[in-house]
Amino acid sequence: MTGPDLDPEQYPPIDPREPVPDDAGVLLPGAPDELPEAPAEPMPDDGGNAGGVREPA
């Protein structure tokens, strides 16, 4: 399998020997500083997810 032809301006090559930066903004410059709260997952007592997989009986 060959790697896709990516634009080096948009996707610069990554050197696996370099340490990962502590600042996520370096890797994802368009990402917000704070992540939004995760949505609450429905619990079985709340009726669960109507379109989801049913729990085994």
Protein backbone atom coordinates (compact mmCIF):
# COMPACT_ATOMS: atom_id res chain seq x y z
CA MET A 1 0.00 0.00 0.00
CA THR A 2 1.39 3.40 -0.89
CA GLY A 3 0.87 6.63 0.99
CA PRO A 4 -1.47 9.26 -0.47
CA ASP A 5 -0.02 12.26 -2.27
CA LEU A 6 -0.54 15.02 0.30
CA ASP A 7 0.20 18.69 -0.25
CA PRO A 8 3.37 19.37 1.80
CA GLU A 9 2.21 22.97 2.37
CA GLN A 10 -0.94 21.76 4.13
CA TYR A 11 0.48 18.51 5.58
CA PRO A 12 4.17 18.95 6.38
CA PRO A 13 6.14 15.73 6.84
CA ILE A 14 6.41 14.45 10.43
CA ASP A 15 9.75 13.29 11.82
CA PRO A 16 9.03 10.48 14.32
CA ARG A 17 12.26 11.30 16.17
CA GLU A 18 11.05 14.79 17.12
CA PRO A 19 9.23 15.16 20.46
CA VAL A 20 5.54 15.99 20.41
CA PRO A 21 4.92 19.68 21.18
CA ASP A 22 3.20 20.45 24.48
CA ASP A 23 1.01 23.09 22.84
CA ALA A 24 -1.81 21.48 20.84
CA GLY A 25 -2.16 24.74 18.89
CA VAL A 26 1.06 23.88 17.09
CA LEU A 27 -0.53 20.70 15.73
CA LEU A 28 -4.06 22.06 15.30
CA PRO A 29 -3.81 25.83 14.81
CA GLY A 30 -7.56 26.22 14.16
CA ALA A 31 -8.64 24.35 17.30
CA PRO A 32 -10.11 26.27 20.26
CA ASP A 33 -8.09 26.49 23.48
CA GLU A 34 -10.85 24.86 25.52
CA LEU A 35 -12.77 21.84 24.33
CA PRO A 36 -16.56 21.87 24.73
CA GLU A 37 -18.19 19.65 27.33
CA ALA A 38 -18.88 16.12 26.16
CA PRO A 39 -22.58 15.40 25.64
CA ALA A 40 -24.25 13.32 28.32
CA GLU A 41 -24.77 9.74 27.23
CA PRO A 42 -28.28 8.36 27.76
CA MET A 43 -28.54 5.93 30.64
CA PRO A 44 -30.71 2.79 30.54
CA ASP A 45 -33.05 4.40 33.10
CA ASP A 46 -33.57 7.35 30.73
CA GLY A 47 -34.90 5.12 27.96
CA GLY A 48 -31.48 4.68 26.41
CA ASN A 49 -30.79 5.45 22.78
CA ALA A 50 -33.86 4.68 20.70
CA GLY A 51 -31.77 4.11 17.57
CA GLY A 52 -28.95 2.28 19.31
CA VAL A 53 -28.16 -1.35 19.93
CA ARG A 54 -30.31 -2.96 22.62
CA GLU A 55 -28.72 -4.39 25.73
CA PRO A 56 -28.73 -8.20 25.91
CA ALA A 57 -31.62 -9.61 27.93
